[in-house]
Protein backbone atom coordinates (compact mmCIF):
# COMPACT_ATOMS: atom_id res chain seq x y z
CA MET A 1 0.00 0.00 0.00
CA ARG A 2 1.36 3.39 -1.02
CA HIS A 3 1.25 6.20 1.51
CA MET A 4 0.82 9.47 -0.33
CA TYR A 5 2.79 11.45 2.22
CA PRO A 6 5.03 10.57 5.20
CA ASP A 7 3.78 10.27 8.75
CA LEU A 8 4.75 13.04 11.14
CA LYS A 9 7.62 11.18 12.81
CA THR A 10 9.15 10.31 9.44
CA ALA A 11 8.72 13.84 8.10
CA GLU A 12 10.37 15.37 11.17
CA LYS A 13 13.25 12.89 10.93
CA GLU A 14 13.78 13.56 7.22
CA LEU A 15 13.84 17.32 7.84
CA GLU A 16 16.34 16.80 10.65
CA ILE A 17 18.58 14.75 8.35
CA ALA A 18 18.24 17.35 5.61
CA GLY A 19 19.30 20.02 8.08
CA THR A 20 22.58 18.20 8.71
CA MET A 21 23.15 17.85 4.96
CA ASN A 22 22.43 21.50 4.16
CA PRO A 23 22.12 23.65 7.30
CA GLY A 24 20.38 26.98 6.91
CA PRO A 25 17.35 29.14 7.71
CA TRP A 26 15.26 27.07 5.29
CA ILE A 27 14.73 24.52 8.06
CA LYS A 28 12.99 27.01 10.36
CA HIS A 29 11.12 28.41 7.37
CA SER A 30 9.82 24.90 6.65
CA ILE A 31 8.70 24.42 10.26
CA ASN A 32 6.91 27.78 10.28
CA THR A 33 5.27 27.00 6.94
CA ALA A 34 4.00 23.77 8.50
CA HIS A 35 2.59 25.60 11.53
CA ALA A 36 0.83 28.12 9.29
CA CYS A 37 -0.67 25.27 7.24
CA GLY A 38 -1.90 23.59 10.41
CA PHE A 39 -3.40 26.75 11.90
CA ILE A 40 -5.36 27.54 8.75
CA ALA A 41 -6.37 23.93 8.02
CA GLU A 42 -7.86 23.61 11.51
CA ARG A 43 -10.49 26.13 10.42
CA CYS A 44 -11.22 24.55 7.03
CA ALA A 45 -13.80 21.77 7.07
CA ASN A 46 -12.35 20.10 3.97
CA LEU A 47 -8.75 19.91 5.17
CA ASP A 48 -6.90 17.59 7.57
CA PRO A 49 -4.64 19.77 9.78
CA GLY A 50 -2.20 16.90 10.33
CA LYS A 51 -1.77 16.27 6.61
CA ALA A 52 -1.51 20.00 5.93
CA TYR A 53 1.23 20.33 8.56
CA ILE A 54 3.30 17.49 7.08
CA LEU A 55 2.94 18.71 3.50
CA GLY A 56 4.08 22.16 4.63
CA LEU A 57 6.94 20.74 6.65
CA MET A 58 8.37 18.84 3.67
CA HIS A 59 7.67 21.31 0.85
CA ASP A 60 11.34 22.35 0.57
CA ILE A 61 12.86 18.94 1.37
CA GLY A 62 14.77 19.06 -1.92
CA ARG A 63 17.11 21.61 -0.36
CA ARG A 64 18.73 18.63 1.34
CA VAL A 65 20.96 18.33 -1.74
CA GLY A 66 22.70 21.64 -1.02
CA ILE A 67 22.48 25.31 -1.90
CA CYS A 68 20.43 25.59 -5.08
CA GLN A 69 17.56 27.46 -6.68
CA GLU A 70 14.92 25.73 -8.79
CA ARG A 71 16.76 22.43 -8.49
CA HIS A 72 15.27 22.01 -5.01
CA MET A 73 11.84 21.39 -6.54
CA VAL A 74 13.04 18.53 -8.74
CA ALA A 75 15.23 17.05 -6.01
CA GLY A 76 12.32 17.09 -3.57
CA TYR A 77 9.93 15.63 -6.12
CA GLN A 78 12.28 12.76 -6.95
CA PHE A 79 13.12 12.12 -3.30
CA CYS A 80 9.44 11.80 -2.38
CA MET A 81 8.41 9.82 -5.47
CA ASP A 82 11.14 7.28 -4.69
CA ARG A 83 9.41 6.73 -1.34
CA GLY A 84 5.89 6.54 -2.77
CA TRP A 85 4.84 9.89 -1.31
CA ASP A 86 2.97 11.12 -4.38
CA ASP A 87 1.07 13.94 -2.66
CA GLN A 88 4.22 15.20 -0.99
CA ALA A 89 6.13 14.98 -4.27
CA ARG A 90 3.49 17.10 -6.00
CA ILE A 91 3.79 19.77 -3.30
CA CYS A 92 7.56 19.93 -3.83
CA ILE A 93 6.92 21.40 -7.28
CA SER A 94 3.49 23.01 -6.96
CA HIS A 95 4.44 25.21 -4.00
CA SER A 96 6.54 27.35 -6.35
CA PHE A 97 3.91 27.68 -9.05
CA MET A 98 0.78 29.44 -7.86
CA ILE A 99 0.54 30.27 -11.56
CA GLN A 100 0.68 26.93 -13.35
CA ASP A 101 3.17 28.06 -16.00
CA ILE A 102 6.87 27.17 -16.00
CA GLY A 103 7.74 30.55 -17.50
CA THR A 104 6.63 32.41 -14.37
CA ASN A 105 9.44 31.19 -12.12
CA LEU A 106 11.87 33.67 -10.57
CA GLY A 107 14.88 31.50 -9.76
CA LYS A 108 17.67 30.03 -11.87
CA TRP A 109 16.98 26.71 -13.59
CA ASP A 110 19.99 24.87 -12.18
CA VAL A 111 18.68 21.55 -13.54
CA SER A 112 19.32 19.28 -16.50
CA PRO A 113 17.20 19.56 -19.68
CA GLU A 114 15.44 16.33 -18.68
CA GLU A 115 14.60 17.73 -15.24
CA TYR A 116 13.30 20.94 -16.78
CA ARG A 117 10.99 18.90 -19.03
CA LEU A 118 9.83 16.95 -15.96
CA VAL A 119 8.65 20.18 -14.32
CA GLU A 120 7.13 21.39 -17.57
CA ARG A 121 5.13 18.18 -18.01
CA PHE A 122 4.09 18.26 -14.37
CA LEU A 123 2.66 21.76 -14.69
CA GLU A 124 0.83 20.87 -17.89
CA THR A 125 -1.02 17.97 -16.26
CA ALA A 126 -1.18 18.61 -12.50
CA VAL A 127 -4.55 19.23 -10.90
CA TYR A 128 -4.10 21.35 -7.79
CA ASP A 129 -6.21 20.83 -4.70
CA ASP A 130 -6.60 22.91 -1.55
CA TYR A 131 -3.46 21.41 -0.03
CA ASP A 132 -1.40 22.72 -2.95
CA ARG A 133 -3.05 26.11 -2.57
CA LEU A 134 -2.56 26.16 1.20
CA VAL A 135 1.16 25.42 1.01
CA GLN A 136 1.56 28.05 -1.71
CA LEU A 137 -0.02 30.62 0.60
CA CYS A 138 1.78 29.56 3.75
CA ASP A 139 5.14 29.48 1.99
CA SER A 140 4.60 33.22 1.54
CA LEU A 141 3.49 33.78 5.14
CA ALA A 142 6.41 32.01 6.83
CA VAL A 143 10.04 33.01 7.23
CA ALA A 144 12.78 31.63 9.45
CA THR A 145 11.92 34.06 12.24
CA GLY A 146 8.19 33.34 12.32
CA PHE A 147 5.19 34.60 10.37
CA CYS A 148 5.08 37.79 8.34
CA LEU A 149 2.92 39.98 6.14
CA LEU A 150 2.87 38.82 2.52
CA GLU A 151 4.51 42.04 1.41
CA LYS A 152 7.56 41.35 3.59
CA ARG A 153 7.98 37.88 2.10
CA PHE A 154 7.66 39.29 -1.41
CA VAL A 155 10.54 41.69 -0.70
CA ASP A 156 12.59 38.85 0.81
CA VAL A 157 12.18 36.66 -2.28
CA SER A 158 12.77 39.54 -4.70
CA LEU A 159 16.02 40.51 -3.00
CA ARG A 160 17.32 36.97 -3.35
CA TYR A 161 16.02 36.02 -6.79
CA GLY A 162 15.35 39.34 -8.50
CA VAL A 163 12.18 40.26 -10.37
CA ASN A 164 10.84 39.71 -13.86
CA GLU A 165 7.74 40.52 -15.88
CA HIS A 166 5.73 37.86 -14.02
CA VAL A 167 6.39 38.96 -10.44
CA VAL A 168 3.32 41.17 -10.09
CA ASP A 169 1.09 38.40 -11.44
CA ARG A 170 2.64 36.04 -8.89
CA TRP A 171 1.92 38.49 -6.09
CA LYS A 172 -1.67 38.87 -7.27
CA ALA A 173 -2.05 35.10 -7.32
CA VAL A 174 -0.89 34.83 -3.70
CA PHE A 175 -3.26 37.61 -2.61
CA ALA A 176 -6.04 35.68 -4.37
CA LEU A 177 -5.10 32.59 -2.33
CA LYS A 178 -5.25 34.68 0.83
CA ASP A 179 -8.76 35.85 -0.10
CA TYR A 180 -9.77 32.28 -0.95
CA PHE A 181 -8.81 30.86 2.44
CA GLU A 182 -10.07 33.87 4.37
CA THR A 183 -13.50 33.24 2.87
CA MET A 184 -13.30 29.71 4.29
CA ILE A 185 -12.08 30.63 7.76
CA GLY A 186 -14.14 33.78 8.23
CA CYS A 187 -11.26 36.04 9.28
CA THR A 188 -7.94 37.32 8.04
CA VAL A 189 -5.12 34.80 8.14
CA TYR A 190 -3.07 37.32 10.11
CA ASP A 191 -5.48 36.98 13.03
CA ILE A 192 -4.53 33.33 13.56
CA LEU A 193 -0.77 33.51 12.97
CA PRO A 194 0.98 34.56 16.20
CA GLY A 195 3.28 37.57 16.04
CA VAL A 196 2.80 38.18 12.33
CA LYS A 197 2.51 41.96 12.65
CA GLU A 198 5.53 42.26 14.92
CA ASN A 199 7.93 40.23 12.77
CA THR A 200 10.46 42.58 11.20
CA PHE A 201 12.37 42.15 7.97
CA SER A 202 16.05 41.37 8.46
CA GLY A 203 17.08 40.00 5.07
CA ALA A 204 17.67 36.38 3.96
CA MET A 205 14.66 35.32 5.95
CA ILE A 206 14.52 31.77 4.60
C-alpha cells in the first residue's frame, strides 16, 4: 500500500537529516510554513490539519541536496516519489507555481534539460487541490523568524532572486489565495498567525 505522504515522525526525521546535509534558515522556514498550514487547516472543514502540517513541513525537502535554486523542486519531487509519497512529491513542485506556467518562475533553472521537461510536463497535467493552494499561501506567510505579512515575504524573495515581468502576477495570485482561504475561515489569516505583525524584515529570511 502506497502512503501518499510521510507520517509526522518520518517527516520530522527527514527534515532533521536534511538540516545536517544543508544547514540553513530554510529549516525554520519549513517548520513555520507547516505551523501556518496547520493553523489555517484547523479552520477549514475540507482539510486535515495533520496532513496540511506534514505537506508544509516537507515542501522544501529538496534543499537537502545543497544550496540551489529551482533544483530544489526537482530534487524534492524525486526524493518523495522514490518513497511513494505522491502527494508530498506534488507539493515539492506546486508550491513554487501558484501560476501553473513554467515561465513564471523567478529562480535560476539549475537543472538538466530532462529535469526541466519533468517540471514542464508536471505543470501541464497537475490538478491542484486545496493542499497545494494552502502550502503556496503559507510558503509566503512564513520566514525563518516566524510569520510575516505577505509584502515582507515578497521583498525577501525579490532581494534573493530578483524580479521579472511575471512577479506582479505572482503576487496577485498569492493575494487571491489569501482571499480564498479567508472566505473559508471567516477572518484574516493574520489573526490566527501569532506575532505576524511584529515580525520585522532582516534580510535572507529563509
